[in-house]
Amino acid sequence: MPLLAPPLPARGQCLYEVRVIEGPYGGGSARGINSAGHVVGYDLDVGYVWTSETGAVALDLPPDETSSRAYDINDAGQIVGFGTHNGNE
């Protein structure tokens, strides 16, 4: 007969709430998060930023860019990633 132990009491508080979020086109990949809970990623080769207030918002592409990906965001809201310009990354 296996021995069963009582569950351990919780110690501490939850730091993050886990959510399923979608990019601006209904899918995507979340890649970075800052301490304010702002998430960046990409969906169909378009970078986005997600907040609980706005949901996912596609990032504007610079002129002549055809795609972008957002990989991280710092606490100042600066986003790092890459884009494709005329087929070149």
Protein backbone atom coordinates (compact mmCIF):
# COMPACT_ATOMS: atom_id res chain seq x y z
CA MET A 1 0.00 0.00 0.00
CA PRO A 2 1.53 3.38 -1.00
CA LEU A 3 2.05 6.01 1.64
CA LEU A 4 0.21 9.26 1.03
CA ALA A 5 1.47 12.50 2.43
CA PRO A 6 -0.78 15.47 3.15
CA PRO A 7 -0.41 18.38 0.74
CA LEU A 8 2.16 20.97 1.73
CA PRO A 9 0.83 24.38 2.72
CA ALA A 10 1.31 27.16 0.18
CA ARG A 11 4.31 29.34 0.90
CA GLY A 12 4.35 32.77 -0.67
CA GLN A 13 2.26 34.42 -3.28
CA CYS A 14 1.85 33.88 -6.97
CA LEU A 15 4.00 36.33 -8.91
CA TYR A 16 2.39 35.84 -12.32
CA GLU A 17 -0.96 34.86 -13.67
CA VAL A 18 -0.72 32.44 -16.57
CA ARG A 19 -2.90 33.45 -19.52
CA VAL A 20 -3.41 32.25 -23.05
CA ILE A 21 -2.98 35.24 -25.33
CA GLU A 22 -3.37 35.49 -29.06
CA GLY A 23 -1.52 37.72 -31.45
CA PRO A 24 -3.37 40.27 -33.57
CA TYR A 25 -4.24 37.60 -36.16
CA GLY A 26 -5.40 34.88 -33.77
CA GLY A 27 -2.19 32.91 -33.16
CA GLY A 28 1.41 33.75 -32.67
CA SER A 29 4.32 33.22 -30.39
CA ALA A 30 5.01 35.23 -27.23
CA ARG A 31 8.74 35.83 -26.82
CA GLY A 32 9.39 38.39 -24.07
CA ILE A 33 7.79 39.98 -21.02
CA ASN A 34 8.74 42.94 -18.83
CA SER A 35 7.98 43.61 -15.16
CA ALA A 36 4.78 45.50 -16.07
CA GLY A 37 3.44 42.34 -17.74
CA HIS A 38 3.73 43.69 -21.30
CA VAL A 39 4.37 40.84 -23.72
CA VAL A 40 5.98 40.95 -27.16
CA GLY A 41 6.09 38.35 -29.89
CA TYR A 42 5.06 37.78 -33.47
CA ASP A 43 2.08 36.43 -35.37
CA LEU A 44 2.22 35.70 -39.12
CA ASP A 45 5.59 37.49 -39.30
CA VAL A 46 4.22 40.67 -37.73
CA GLY A 47 5.66 41.78 -34.39
CA TYR A 48 3.19 42.73 -31.67
CA VAL A 49 2.97 44.04 -28.14
CA TRP A 50 0.26 42.79 -25.78
CA THR A 51 -1.01 44.51 -22.63
CA SER A 52 -3.98 43.66 -20.46
CA GLU A 53 -5.47 47.04 -21.40
CA THR A 54 -5.12 46.84 -25.21
CA GLY A 55 -4.71 43.18 -26.05
CA ALA A 56 -2.35 42.41 -28.93
CA VAL A 57 -1.46 45.34 -31.16
CA ALA A 58 0.63 44.86 -34.31
CA LEU A 59 3.79 46.95 -34.40
CA ASP A 60 4.14 49.38 -37.28
CA LEU A 61 6.64 48.31 -39.94
CA PRO A 62 9.32 50.75 -41.04
CA PRO A 63 9.21 51.74 -44.74
CA ASP A 64 10.07 48.89 -47.13
CA GLU A 65 9.92 46.28 -44.36
CA THR A 66 7.88 43.20 -45.25
CA SER A 67 7.86 41.38 -41.91
CA SER A 68 8.98 41.79 -38.32
CA ARG A 69 9.43 39.83 -35.12
CA ALA A 70 9.61 41.19 -31.58
CA TYR A 71 11.80 39.19 -29.19
CA ASP A 72 12.03 41.12 -25.94
CA ILE A 73 10.85 44.24 -24.12
CA ASN A 74 12.56 46.07 -21.27
CA ASP A 75 10.98 47.97 -18.40
CA ALA A 76 11.24 51.24 -20.36
CA GLY A 77 9.05 49.69 -23.09
CA GLN A 78 11.85 49.44 -25.65
CA ILE A 79 11.39 46.44 -27.94
CA VAL A 80 14.13 44.47 -29.68
CA GLY A 81 13.62 42.18 -32.66
CA PHE A 82 14.30 42.08 -36.37
CA GLY A 83 12.63 42.76 -39.68
CA THR A 84 12.89 41.72 -43.30
CA HIS A 85 13.72 44.41 -45.85
CA ASN A 86 13.16 43.44 -49.48
CA GLY A 87 13.68 39.78 -48.58
CA ASN A 88 16.82 40.38 -46.49
CA GLU A 89 16.91 40.07 -42.70
